[in-house]
Amino acid sequence: MSVQSLPSVDIDDLFRRAMIGLDDDDLGSIDDPTGWIAIGRLQRMANRAVLEMALTFCVDTDPLKRRVGAHVLAQLGHSKPGFEPVFVEERLAGLIGLLEAERDGRRDPGVLAAVCTAFGHLPDIRAIPSLLALMSHRDPNVRSGVVHGLSGHEDDAAIEGLIALSEDPADRVRDWATFELGQVIEMDTPTIRAALHARLDDACHDVRNEAIEGLARRGDRSVLPFLIRELEAGVALPLLDAATMLATPELCEALAATQKGGLVIGAKHGP
């Protein structure tokens, strides 16, 4: 029996629980779902009752409810690989309406960040102008949400936005924008390469690594000196991926030194 057909599931209660501890590091427990665990359950249910409640939350005066509504709509039905999208037009209309209303009216940063990020899971070209209008928002969380919202769009305006955000003052925003340009966008243009080259000496090592991998994916051998420099300083998955893609003997010495130095990749979930 699927989750959505279980009679014991109380949708109103799950939405109420989703508002509890949404910003806490502690995710709660499966037996007592709150915050993101409750949101995940609602997303997996993927029925019309959840859709309608999420849409109602999106127009509520309470910004916390609007955030929960956006999060639920973002991945409603995204419960397993190969999922079939559900209620796509209704979800898009609700999110676009929320984004425009928030941008032009209440302007709550938390809601803006949530709805911008939602478009990274449910991309639609119609949202691009509203997303681009928030590129200079004072809150870095909103700008980071814009990056996620523009994810995967091989659209000139979206790519120009990502290039601009790859120069953002916030490390996290530059990191994600550089990742999108380098690893998600498949286009290979002089403009994209120039944007990635501009990040090779970035103050943030994560940004540098993403730029290196993005150029390596495009077969740009001019990145080799930068890759060697970073390998000599430390090891990271983007650097190893870049070395694999370029696969040249010029990297052997740096890779051997890395191994000899005992440098390891830190991991949060196992070795």
Protein backbone atom coordinates (compact mmCIF):
# COMPACT_ATOMS: atom_id res chain seq x y z
CA MET A 1 0.00 0.00 0.00
CA SER A 2 1.41 3.42 -0.90
CA VAL A 3 1.97 6.17 1.64
CA GLN A 4 -0.76 8.32 0.11
CA SER A 5 -3.41 5.63 0.65
CA LEU A 6 -2.70 5.05 4.32
CA PRO A 7 -5.77 6.17 6.28
CA SER A 8 -3.67 7.09 9.32
CA VAL A 9 -1.88 9.90 7.46
CA ASP A 10 -3.16 13.29 8.60
CA ILE A 11 -2.15 15.86 5.97
CA ASP A 12 -3.10 18.85 8.12
CA ASP A 13 -0.94 17.48 10.94
CA LEU A 14 2.02 16.89 8.62
CA PHE A 15 1.84 20.44 7.32
CA ARG A 16 1.70 21.71 10.90
CA ARG A 17 4.69 19.56 11.80
CA ALA A 18 6.59 20.79 8.74
CA MET A 19 6.65 24.27 10.27
CA ILE A 20 8.41 23.02 13.42
CA GLY A 21 12.19 23.21 13.47
CA LEU A 22 12.51 23.96 9.75
CA ASP A 23 15.77 25.82 10.34
CA ASP A 24 17.17 23.47 12.99
CA ASP A 25 20.25 21.34 12.34
CA ASP A 26 18.49 18.46 14.11
CA LEU A 27 16.25 16.87 11.46
CA GLY A 28 14.05 15.16 14.04
CA SER A 29 13.06 11.51 13.79
CA ILE A 30 11.00 9.27 11.53
CA ASP A 31 8.70 8.43 14.43
CA ASP A 32 8.13 12.10 15.27
CA PRO A 33 8.43 13.87 11.89
CA THR A 34 8.94 17.62 11.92
CA GLY A 35 10.58 20.13 9.58
CA TRP A 36 12.24 18.53 6.57
CA ILE A 37 11.20 14.99 7.49
CA ALA A 38 7.55 16.05 7.45
CA ILE A 39 8.10 17.90 4.17
CA GLY A 40 9.67 14.77 2.68
CA ARG A 41 6.64 12.71 3.65
CA LEU A 42 4.30 15.22 2.08
CA GLN A 43 6.35 15.26 -1.11
CA ARG A 44 6.21 11.47 -1.35
CA MET A 45 2.43 11.41 -0.92
CA ALA A 46 1.97 13.36 -4.16
CA ASN A 47 -1.82 13.52 -4.09
CA ARG A 48 -4.19 16.37 -4.87
CA ALA A 49 -4.98 17.04 -1.22
CA VAL A 50 -1.29 17.77 -0.56
CA LEU A 51 -1.07 19.89 -3.70
CA GLU A 52 -4.05 22.03 -2.71
CA MET A 53 -2.82 22.50 0.85
CA ALA A 54 0.63 23.52 -0.42
CA LEU A 55 -0.94 26.03 -2.80
CA THR A 56 -3.00 27.42 0.08
CA PHE A 57 0.15 27.77 2.18
CA CYS A 58 1.83 29.69 -0.65
CA VAL A 59 -0.68 32.55 -0.36
CA ASP A 60 -0.84 32.64 3.45
CA THR A 61 0.19 35.76 5.35
CA ASP A 62 2.58 33.70 7.48
CA PRO A 63 6.01 33.58 5.76
CA LEU A 64 6.82 30.24 7.40
CA LYS A 65 3.74 28.71 5.78
CA ARG A 66 4.74 30.18 2.40
CA ARG A 67 8.19 28.61 2.75
CA VAL A 68 6.72 25.20 3.57
CA GLY A 69 4.33 25.49 0.63
CA ALA A 70 7.20 26.25 -1.74
CA HIS A 71 9.32 23.37 -0.42
CA VAL A 72 6.48 20.87 -0.79
CA LEU A 73 5.64 22.01 -4.32
CA ALA A 74 9.30 21.90 -5.35
CA GLN A 75 9.61 18.11 -5.21
CA LEU A 76 6.04 16.85 -4.97
CA GLY A 77 6.19 13.26 -6.24
CA HIS A 78 10.01 13.19 -6.53
CA SER A 79 10.24 10.06 -4.41
CA LYS A 80 12.44 7.76 -6.50
CA PRO A 81 14.62 7.64 -9.62
CA GLY A 82 12.64 7.74 -12.83
CA PHE A 83 9.62 9.36 -11.18
CA GLU A 84 6.83 10.76 -13.30
CA PRO A 85 6.23 14.45 -12.53
CA VAL A 86 2.79 15.15 -11.08
CA PHE A 87 0.62 18.30 -11.16
CA VAL A 88 3.37 20.11 -13.09
CA GLU A 89 1.30 23.05 -14.36
CA GLU A 90 -0.45 23.59 -11.03
CA ARG A 91 2.88 23.55 -9.19
CA LEU A 92 4.52 25.89 -11.69
CA ALA A 93 1.63 28.33 -11.53
CA GLY A 94 1.72 28.33 -7.73
CA LEU A 95 5.48 28.87 -7.57
CA ILE A 96 5.57 31.55 -10.26
CA GLY A 97 2.70 33.35 -8.55
CA LEU A 98 4.47 33.15 -5.19
CA LEU A 99 7.77 34.37 -6.64
CA GLU A 100 6.20 37.37 -8.33
CA ALA A 101 4.02 38.26 -5.34
CA GLU A 102 6.97 37.99 -2.96
CA ARG A 103 9.30 39.95 -5.21
CA ASP A 104 6.78 42.76 -5.69
CA GLY A 105 5.14 42.72 -2.26
CA ARG A 106 6.15 41.10 1.02
CA ARG A 107 9.80 40.45 0.00
CA ASP A 108 10.53 37.98 2.78
CA PRO A 109 14.11 36.71 2.20
CA GLY A 110 13.36 33.21 3.52
CA VAL A 111 10.40 32.80 1.21
CA LEU A 112 12.29 34.21 -1.77
CA ALA A 113 15.17 31.81 -1.18
CA ALA A 114 12.77 28.86 -0.87
CA VAL A 115 10.80 29.59 -4.02
CA CYS A 116 13.89 30.39 -6.09
CA THR A 117 15.46 27.10 -5.02
CA ALA A 118 12.22 25.29 -5.87
CA PHE A 119 12.69 26.14 -9.54
CA GLY A 120 15.92 24.15 -9.49
CA HIS A 121 13.75 21.05 -8.97
CA LEU A 122 10.95 22.16 -11.29
CA PRO A 123 12.68 24.24 -13.96
CA ASP A 124 10.62 26.39 -16.28
CA ILE A 125 11.80 29.09 -18.65
CA ARG A 126 8.91 31.33 -17.59
CA ALA A 127 10.53 31.83 -14.18
CA ILE A 128 13.86 33.08 -15.55
CA PRO A 129 12.98 36.83 -15.74
CA SER A 130 11.70 36.87 -12.16
CA LEU A 131 14.76 34.97 -10.96
CA LEU A 132 17.16 37.33 -12.73
CA ALA A 133 15.44 40.29 -11.10
CA LEU A 134 16.70 38.99 -7.74
CA MET A 135 20.37 38.53 -8.67
CA SER A 136 21.39 41.61 -6.70
CA HIS A 137 19.26 40.91 -3.62
CA ARG A 138 21.05 41.89 -0.42
CA ASP A 139 20.55 38.44 1.15
CA PRO A 140 23.11 35.85 -0.05
CA ASN A 141 20.60 33.07 0.62
CA VAL A 142 18.27 34.61 -1.96
CA ARG A 143 21.12 34.96 -4.47
CA SER A 144 22.08 31.34 -3.81
CA GLY A 145 18.45 30.38 -4.43
CA VAL A 146 18.59 32.23 -7.75
CA VAL A 147 21.60 30.12 -8.77
CA HIS A 148 19.66 26.93 -8.02
CA GLY A 149 16.60 28.27 -9.82
CA LEU A 150 18.64 28.92 -12.97
CA SER A 151 20.14 25.43 -12.83
CA GLY A 152 20.32 23.53 -16.09
CA HIS A 153 18.83 26.22 -18.32
CA GLU A 154 20.84 26.41 -21.53
CA ASP A 155 19.26 29.79 -22.13
CA ASP A 156 21.40 32.83 -22.93
CA ALA A 157 19.83 35.02 -20.24
CA ALA A 158 20.11 32.29 -17.59
CA ILE A 159 23.76 31.62 -18.45
CA GLU A 160 24.54 35.34 -18.33
CA GLY A 161 22.94 35.41 -14.89
CA LEU A 162 25.06 32.48 -13.70
CA ILE A 163 28.19 34.15 -15.03
CA ALA A 164 27.35 37.32 -13.10
CA LEU A 165 26.66 35.28 -9.95
CA SER A 166 30.00 33.49 -10.33
CA GLU A 167 31.49 36.87 -9.35
CA ASP A 168 29.26 37.26 -6.28
CA PRO A 169 30.90 38.50 -3.04
CA ALA A 170 29.60 35.45 -1.12
CA ASP A 171 31.77 32.32 -1.43
CA ARG A 172 28.78 29.97 -1.41
CA VAL A 173 27.05 31.82 -4.25
CA ARG A 174 30.22 31.89 -6.38
CA ASP A 175 30.82 28.20 -5.64
CA TRP A 176 27.35 27.09 -6.77
CA ALA A 177 27.33 29.38 -9.81
CA THR A 178 30.74 28.10 -10.90
CA PHE A 179 29.57 24.52 -10.37
CA GLU A 180 26.49 25.15 -12.51
CA LEU A 181 28.57 26.69 -15.30
CA GLY A 182 31.25 24.05 -15.15
CA GLN A 183 29.45 20.81 -14.44
CA VAL A 184 25.72 21.24 -15.14
CA ILE A 185 25.71 23.43 -18.24
CA GLU A 186 26.92 21.36 -21.18
CA MET A 187 27.41 24.26 -23.58
CA ASP A 188 31.00 25.14 -24.42
CA THR A 189 31.41 28.76 -25.44
CA PRO A 190 34.26 31.27 -25.17
CA THR A 191 32.14 33.27 -22.73
CA ILE A 192 31.62 30.31 -20.39
CA ARG A 193 35.30 29.38 -20.58
CA ALA A 194 36.28 32.97 -19.81
CA ALA A 195 34.01 32.96 -16.75
CA LEU A 196 35.60 29.73 -15.51
CA HIS A 197 39.12 31.03 -16.17
CA ALA A 198 38.25 34.11 -14.11
CA ARG A 199 37.73 31.87 -11.08
CA LEU A 200 41.03 29.94 -11.26
CA ASP A 201 42.65 32.30 -8.75
CA ASP A 202 39.53 32.75 -6.62
CA ALA A 203 40.11 33.27 -2.90
CA CYS A 204 37.89 30.24 -2.15
CA HIS A 205 39.50 26.87 -2.93
CA ASP A 206 36.12 25.23 -3.61
CA VAL A 207 35.41 27.80 -6.32
CA ARG A 208 38.87 27.26 -7.83
CA ASN A 209 38.31 23.50 -7.89
CA GLU A 210 34.93 23.81 -9.59
CA ALA A 211 36.42 26.10 -12.24
CA ILE A 212 39.27 23.64 -12.86
CA GLU A 213 36.89 20.71 -13.30
CA GLY A 214 34.61 22.75 -15.56
CA LEU A 215 37.48 23.61 -17.88
CA ALA A 216 38.82 20.05 -17.81
CA ARG A 217 35.38 18.80 -18.88
CA ARG A 218 35.77 21.02 -21.93
CA GLY A 219 39.22 19.65 -22.71
CA ASP A 220 40.92 22.94 -21.92
CA ARG A 221 44.56 21.98 -21.33
CA SER A 222 45.49 25.53 -20.35
CA VAL A 223 44.10 24.62 -16.91
CA LEU A 224 46.90 22.09 -16.27
CA PRO A 225 49.22 24.45 -14.33
CA PHE A 226 46.32 25.42 -12.04
CA LEU A 227 45.33 21.78 -11.54
CA ILE A 228 48.92 20.87 -10.63
CA ARG A 229 49.12 23.81 -8.22
CA GLU A 230 45.93 22.76 -6.43
CA LEU A 231 46.92 19.08 -6.30
CA GLU A 232 50.16 20.06 -4.63
CA ALA A 233 48.18 21.94 -1.98
CA GLY A 234 45.55 19.27 -1.32
CA VAL A 235 43.21 16.77 -2.86
CA ALA A 236 39.52 17.09 -3.67
CA LEU A 237 37.11 15.16 -5.86
CA PRO A 238 36.82 17.89 -8.53
CA LEU A 239 40.60 17.84 -8.90
CA LEU A 240 40.73 14.06 -9.27
CA ASP A 241 37.87 14.21 -11.77
CA ALA A 242 39.73 16.90 -13.71
CA ALA A 243 42.93 14.81 -13.70
CA THR A 244 41.00 11.80 -15.00
CA MET A 245 39.44 13.84 -17.80
CA LEU A 246 42.72 15.38 -18.94
CA ALA A 247 44.69 12.12 -18.40
CA THR A 248 48.15 13.41 -19.24
CA PRO A 249 51.60 12.32 -17.95
CA GLU A 250 52.15 15.94 -16.92
CA LEU A 251 49.96 15.22 -13.89
CA CYS A 252 51.78 12.11 -12.69
CA GLU A 253 54.30 13.91 -10.52
CA ALA A 254 51.67 16.00 -8.74
CA LEU A 255 49.42 12.98 -8.22
CA ALA A 256 52.31 10.90 -6.89
CA ALA A 257 53.30 13.68 -4.49
CA THR A 258 49.72 13.92 -3.32
CA GLN A 259 49.64 10.20 -2.58
CA LYS A 260 53.04 10.24 -0.89
CA GLY A 261 52.04 13.18 1.25
CA GLY A 262 49.21 11.17 2.70
CA LEU A 263 46.62 13.76 1.72
CA VAL A 264 43.11 12.35 1.94
CA ILE A 265 39.64 13.43 0.97
CA GLY A 266 37.41 14.31 3.90
CA ALA A 267 34.01 12.66 3.80
CA LYS A 268 30.93 13.13 5.96
CA HIS A 269 29.42 9.73 5.25
CA GLY A 270 32.10 7.03 5.41
CA PRO A 271 35.53 6.83 3.79
